[in-house]
C-alpha cells in the first residue's frame, strides 16, 4: 500500500497542474469581467456592476469542480492513475485487485468536492477542509492507509514498483 505522504504528494502534483490549466482557461473570462466592471467604474468582477454578486464566482467554481472531477474520474476510472500517481508510481485498484471502473472512481472522488458545491462563502471551504482532514485521519488510522473514501468505493492505492 502507498504511504500517506506519497498519496498527498500525488494529489498536490495533480492539483497544481490542474490549477495552472484551469487558470489559463478561465483567465480570458475573468479578464473580460474585470474590464467590463472597470468600464462601469466598479473594479471588481464580484461587484454590483455585473449584477451577479458572488454568483459568477460560484458558477465558475462549479465549472472548475466539474473539470477536476472529470479529470480524476476519467483517469482513475480508465487507467487507475492520475498524472500525479503515474509520476509517483501508484495505482488505484478495486479492493479485490480488479481494475478500476468509472463508478468506483466517482464514488472515491466525490468526497473531495462536497465543500465546493456549498454556495455559502466561508462555509463551503471550511466543510471541504474538514472533509479533507477527516479523510487523511481515516487513512492514518488504517494499517493499509485506506481512507473512508477508499472503503466507501471499495478501492486501494498500491505502489506499482
C-alpha atoms as a PDB file:
ATOM      1  CA  UNK A   1       0.000   0.000   0.000  1.00  0.00           C
ATOM      2  CA  UNK A   2       1.169   3.520  -0.726  1.00  0.00           C
ATOM      3  CA  UNK A   3       2.169   5.833   2.088  1.00  0.00           C
ATOM      4  CA  UNK A   4       0.024   8.806   3.057  1.00  0.00           C
ATOM      5  CA  UNK A   5       2.858  11.194   2.165  1.00  0.00           C
ATOM      6  CA  UNK A   6       3.125   9.742  -1.332  1.00  0.00           C
ATOM      7  CA  UNK A   7      -0.616   9.961  -1.799  1.00  0.00           C
ATOM      8  CA  UNK A   8      -0.692  13.605  -0.689  1.00  0.00           C
ATOM      9  CA  UNK A   9       2.272  14.312  -2.986  1.00  0.00           C
ATOM     10  CA  UNK A  10       0.430  12.826  -5.966  1.00  0.00           C
ATOM     11  CA  UNK A  11      -2.638  14.938  -5.150  1.00  0.00           C
ATOM     12  CA  UNK A  12      -0.502  18.082  -4.939  1.00  0.00           C
ATOM     13  CA  UNK A  13       1.028  17.328  -8.341  1.00  0.00           C
ATOM     14  CA  UNK A  14      -2.449  16.850  -9.825  1.00  0.00           C
ATOM     15  CA  UNK A  15      -3.967  19.958  -8.242  1.00  0.00           C
ATOM     16  CA  UNK A  16      -1.029  22.207  -9.135  1.00  0.00           C
ATOM     17  CA  UNK A  17      -1.101  21.042 -12.756  1.00  0.00           C
ATOM     18  CA  UNK A  18      -4.870  21.293 -12.980  1.00  0.00           C
ATOM     19  CA  UNK A  19      -4.832  24.668 -11.257  1.00  0.00           C
ATOM     20  CA  UNK A  20      -2.495  26.014 -13.926  1.00  0.00           C
ATOM     21  CA  UNK A  21      -4.643  24.631 -16.741  1.00  0.00           C
ATOM     22  CA  UNK A  22      -7.919  25.891 -15.236  1.00  0.00           C
ATOM     23  CA  UNK A  23      -6.338  29.302 -14.607  1.00  0.00           C
ATOM     24  CA  UNK A  24      -5.287  29.565 -18.241  1.00  0.00           C
ATOM     25  CA  UNK A  25      -8.755  28.515 -19.432  1.00  0.00           C
ATOM     26  CA  UNK A  26     -10.610  30.957 -17.192  1.00  0.00           C
ATOM     27  CA  UNK A  27      -8.164  33.887 -17.441  1.00  0.00           C
ATOM     28  CA  UNK A  28      -9.854  35.399 -20.531  1.00  0.00           C
ATOM     29  CA  UNK A  29     -13.305  35.130 -18.907  1.00  0.00           C
ATOM     30  CA  UNK A  30     -12.127  36.747 -15.696  1.00  0.00           C
ATOM     31  CA  UNK A  31     -10.210  39.436 -17.585  1.00  0.00           C
ATOM     32  CA  UNK A  32     -13.314  40.267 -19.634  1.00  0.00           C
ATOM     33  CA  UNK A  33     -15.380  40.523 -16.438  1.00  0.00           C
ATOM     34  CA  UNK A  34     -12.806  42.836 -14.860  1.00  0.00           C
ATOM     35  CA  UNK A  35     -12.646  45.031 -17.962  1.00  0.00           C
ATOM     36  CA  UNK A  36     -16.442  45.227 -18.121  1.00  0.00           C
ATOM     37  CA  UNK A  37     -16.606  46.201 -14.457  1.00  0.00           C
ATOM     38  CA  UNK A  38     -13.797  48.740 -14.822  1.00  0.00           C
ATOM     39  CA  UNK A  39     -15.597  50.392 -17.744  1.00  0.00           C
ATOM     40  CA  UNK A  40     -18.637  50.785 -15.487  1.00  0.00           C
ATOM     41  CA  UNK A  41     -16.496  52.222 -12.696  1.00  0.00           C
ATOM     42  CA  UNK A  42     -16.600  49.166 -10.407  1.00  0.00           C
ATOM     43  CA  UNK A  43     -13.196  47.458 -10.431  1.00  0.00           C
ATOM     44  CA  UNK A  44     -14.334  44.035  -9.245  1.00  0.00           C
ATOM     45  CA  UNK A  45     -15.956  41.150 -11.074  1.00  0.00           C
ATOM     46  CA  UNK A  46     -17.947  40.309  -7.954  1.00  0.00           C
ATOM     47  CA  UNK A  47     -19.359  43.810  -7.604  1.00  0.00           C
ATOM     48  CA  UNK A  48     -22.785  45.115  -8.498  1.00  0.00           C
ATOM     49  CA  UNK A  49     -21.664  46.304 -11.945  1.00  0.00           C
ATOM     50  CA  UNK A  50     -22.087  42.807 -13.381  1.00  0.00           C
ATOM     51  CA  UNK A  51     -25.294  42.332 -11.475  1.00  0.00           C
ATOM     52  CA  UNK A  52     -24.304  38.831 -10.372  1.00  0.00           C
ATOM     53  CA  UNK A  53     -22.945  39.467  -6.870  1.00  0.00           C
ATOM     54  CA  UNK A  54     -20.872  36.445  -5.926  1.00  0.00           C
ATOM     55  CA  UNK A  55     -22.899  34.325  -8.384  1.00  0.00           C
ATOM     56  CA  UNK A  56     -20.431  34.498 -11.260  1.00  0.00           C
ATOM     57  CA  UNK A  57     -17.647  33.301  -8.988  1.00  0.00           C
ATOM     58  CA  UNK A  58     -19.830  30.432  -7.781  1.00  0.00           C
ATOM     59  CA  UNK A  59     -20.730  29.374 -11.336  1.00  0.00           C
ATOM     60  CA  UNK A  60     -17.066  29.457 -12.361  1.00  0.00           C
ATOM     61  CA  UNK A  61     -16.263  27.430  -9.248  1.00  0.00           C
ATOM     62  CA  UNK A  62     -18.855  24.793 -10.191  1.00  0.00           C
ATOM     63  CA  UNK A  63     -17.373  24.551 -13.682  1.00  0.00           C
ATOM     64  CA  UNK A  64     -13.911  24.122 -12.147  1.00  0.00           C
ATOM     65  CA  UNK A  65     -15.238  21.371  -9.849  1.00  0.00           C
ATOM     66  CA  UNK A  66     -16.784  19.617 -12.854  1.00  0.00           C
ATOM     67  CA  UNK A  67     -13.453  19.775 -14.716  1.00  0.00           C
ATOM     68  CA  UNK A  68     -11.497  18.459 -11.719  1.00  0.00           C
ATOM     69  CA  UNK A  69     -13.978  15.679 -11.006  1.00  0.00           C
ATOM     70  CA  UNK A  70     -13.999  14.677 -14.690  1.00  0.00           C
ATOM     71  CA  UNK A  71     -10.172  14.542 -14.693  1.00  0.00           C
ATOM     72  CA  UNK A  72      -9.965  12.300 -11.639  1.00  0.00           C
ATOM     73  CA  UNK A  73     -12.869  10.033 -12.617  1.00  0.00           C
ATOM     74  CA  UNK A  74     -11.715   9.684 -16.233  1.00  0.00           C
ATOM     75  CA  UNK A  75      -8.097   8.835 -15.409  1.00  0.00           C
ATOM     76  CA  UNK A  76      -8.734   6.699 -12.330  1.00  0.00           C
ATOM     77  CA  UNK A  77     -11.721   5.015 -13.994  1.00  0.00           C
ATOM     78  CA  UNK A  78      -9.759   4.014 -17.115  1.00  0.00           C
ATOM     79  CA  UNK A  79      -6.116   3.752 -16.013  1.00  0.00           C
ATOM     80  CA  UNK A  80      -6.313   3.629 -12.226  1.00  0.00           C
ATOM     81  CA  UNK A  81      -3.840   6.528 -12.209  1.00  0.00           C
ATOM     82  CA  UNK A  82      -3.797  10.279 -12.410  1.00  0.00           C
ATOM     83  CA  UNK A  83      -0.685  12.071 -13.646  1.00  0.00           C
ATOM     84  CA  UNK A  84       0.459  12.525 -10.028  1.00  0.00           C
ATOM     85  CA  UNK A  85       0.058   8.819  -9.316  1.00  0.00           C
ATOM     86  CA  UNK A  86       1.881   7.936 -12.552  1.00  0.00           C
ATOM     87  CA  UNK A  87       4.830  10.137 -11.562  1.00  0.00           C
ATOM     88  CA  UNK A  88       4.958   8.659  -8.045  1.00  0.00           C
ATOM     89  CA  UNK A  89       4.383   5.050  -9.164  1.00  0.00           C
ATOM     90  CA  UNK A  90       0.974   4.384  -7.648  1.00  0.00           C
ATOM     91  CA  UNK A  91      -2.282   2.956  -8.921  1.00  0.00           C
ATOM     92  CA  UNK A  92      -5.835   2.736  -7.603  1.00  0.00           C
ATOM     93  CA  UNK A  93      -7.400  -0.721  -7.841  1.00  0.00           C
ATOM     94  CA  UNK A  94     -10.587  -2.323  -6.602  1.00  0.00           C
ATOM     95  CA  UNK A  95     -10.230  -3.945  -3.174  1.00  0.00           C
ATOM     96  CA  UNK A  96     -10.260  -7.371  -4.836  1.00  0.00           C
ATOM     97  CA  UNK A  97      -7.386  -6.320  -7.134  1.00  0.00           C
ATOM     98  CA  UNK A  98      -9.579  -5.811 -10.211  1.00  0.00           C
ATOM     99  CA  UNK A  99      -9.048  -2.726 -12.380  1.00  0.00           C
ATOM    100  CA  UNK A 100     -10.956   0.451 -11.590  1.00  0.00           C
ATOM    101  CA  UNK A 101     -14.183   1.466 -13.287  1.00  0.00           C
ATOM    102  CA  UNK A 102     -15.969   4.811 -13.555  1.00  0.00           C
ATOM    103  CA  UNK A 103     -18.481   4.078 -10.783  1.00  0.00           C
ATOM    104  CA  UNK A 104     -15.752   3.261  -8.242  1.00  0.00           C
ATOM    105  CA  UNK A 105     -13.688   6.256  -9.364  1.00  0.00           C
ATOM    106  CA  UNK A 106     -16.660   8.594  -8.897  1.00  0.00           C
ATOM    107  CA  UNK A 107     -17.602   7.123  -5.504  1.00  0.00           C
ATOM    108  CA  UNK A 108     -13.992   7.524  -4.380  1.00  0.00           C
ATOM    109  CA  UNK A 109     -13.578  11.119  -5.571  1.00  0.00           C
ATOM    110  CA  UNK A 110     -16.837  12.913  -4.917  1.00  0.00           C
ATOM    111  CA  UNK A 111     -15.968  13.308  -1.198  1.00  0.00           C
ATOM    112  CA  UNK A 112     -13.196  15.726  -2.125  1.00  0.00           C
ATOM    113  CA  UNK A 113     -15.625  18.148  -3.781  1.00  0.00           C
ATOM    114  CA  UNK A 114     -18.586  18.287  -1.373  1.00  0.00           C
ATOM    115  CA  UNK A 115     -17.471  21.585   0.160  1.00  0.00           C
ATOM    116  CA  UNK A 116     -17.061  23.124  -3.292  1.00  0.00           C
ATOM    117  CA  UNK A 117     -20.762  22.949  -4.102  1.00  0.00           C
ATOM    118  CA  UNK A 118     -21.947  24.707  -0.939  1.00  0.00           C
ATOM    119  CA  UNK A 119     -22.794  28.236  -2.151  1.00  0.00           C
ATOM    120  CA  UNK A 120     -22.206  29.938   1.185  1.00  0.00           C
ATOM    121  CA  UNK A 121     -18.917  31.873   1.313  1.00  0.00           C
ATOM    122  CA  UNK A 122     -16.535  30.596   4.000  1.00  0.00           C
ATOM    123  CA  UNK A 123     -18.846  27.671   4.934  1.00  0.00           C
ATOM    124  CA  UNK A 124     -18.181  25.667   1.754  1.00  0.00           C
ATOM    125  CA  UNK A 125     -14.380  25.895   2.009  1.00  0.00           C
ATOM    126  CA  UNK A 126     -14.491  25.051   5.725  1.00  0.00           C
ATOM    127  CA  UNK A 127     -16.650  21.989   5.051  1.00  0.00           C
ATOM    128  CA  UNK A 128     -14.225  20.952   2.299  1.00  0.00           C
ATOM    129  CA  UNK A 129     -11.239  21.379   4.612  1.00  0.00           C
ATOM    130  CA  UNK A 130     -12.980  19.401   7.347  1.00  0.00           C
ATOM    131  CA  UNK A 131     -13.710  16.540   4.950  1.00  0.00           C
ATOM    132  CA  UNK A 132     -10.115  16.552   3.686  1.00  0.00           C
ATOM    133  CA  UNK A 133      -8.771  16.379   7.246  1.00  0.00           C
ATOM    134  CA  UNK A 134     -11.257  13.608   8.062  1.00  0.00           C
ATOM    135  CA  UNK A 135     -10.149  11.575   5.012  1.00  0.00           C
ATOM    136  CA  UNK A 136      -6.465  11.972   5.925  1.00  0.00           C
ATOM    137  CA  UNK A 137      -7.187  10.967   9.535  1.00  0.00           C
ATOM    138  CA  UNK A 138      -9.052   7.864   8.361  1.00  0.00           C
ATOM    139  CA  UNK A 139      -6.060   6.989   6.158  1.00  0.00           C
ATOM    140  CA  UNK A 140      -3.643   7.395   9.063  1.00  0.00           C
ATOM    141  CA  UNK A 141      -5.797   5.186  11.312  1.00  0.00           C
ATOM    142  CA  UNK A 142      -5.777   2.269   8.870  1.00  0.00           C
ATOM    143  CA  UNK A 143      -2.846  -0.155   8.585  1.00  0.00           C
ATOM    144  CA  UNK A 144      -3.201  -0.155   4.774  1.00  0.00           C
ATOM    145  CA  UNK A 145      -3.568   3.672   4.616  1.00  0.00           C
ATOM    146  CA  UNK A 146      -7.063   3.208   3.282  1.00  0.00           C
ATOM    147  CA  UNK A 147      -9.251   6.251   3.898  1.00  0.00           C
ATOM    148  CA  UNK A 148     -13.017   6.365   4.207  1.00  0.00           C
ATOM    149  CA  UNK A 149     -13.267   7.357   0.533  1.00  0.00           C
ATOM    150  CA  UNK A 150     -11.387   4.158  -0.392  1.00  0.00           C
ATOM    151  CA  UNK A 151     -13.510   1.986   1.897  1.00  0.00           C
ATOM    152  CA  UNK A 152     -16.720   3.589   0.560  1.00  0.00           C
ATOM    153  CA  UNK A 153     -15.669   2.948  -3.052  1.00  0.00           C
ATOM    154  CA  UNK A 154     -14.094  -0.466  -2.365  1.00  0.00           C
ATOM    155  CA  UNK A 155     -10.636   0.640  -3.573  1.00  0.00           C
ATOM    156  CA  UNK A 156      -6.976   0.547  -2.579  1.00  0.00           C
ATOM    157  CA  UNK A 157      -3.998   2.649  -3.622  1.00  0.00           C
ATOM    158  CA  UNK A 158      -0.993   0.414  -4.307  1.00  0.00           C
ATOM    159  CA  UNK A 159       2.596   1.016  -5.356  1.00  0.00           C
ATOM    160  CA  UNK A 160       3.440  -0.016  -8.915  1.00  0.00           C
ATOM    161  CA  UNK A 161       7.114  -0.643  -8.261  1.00  0.00           C
END
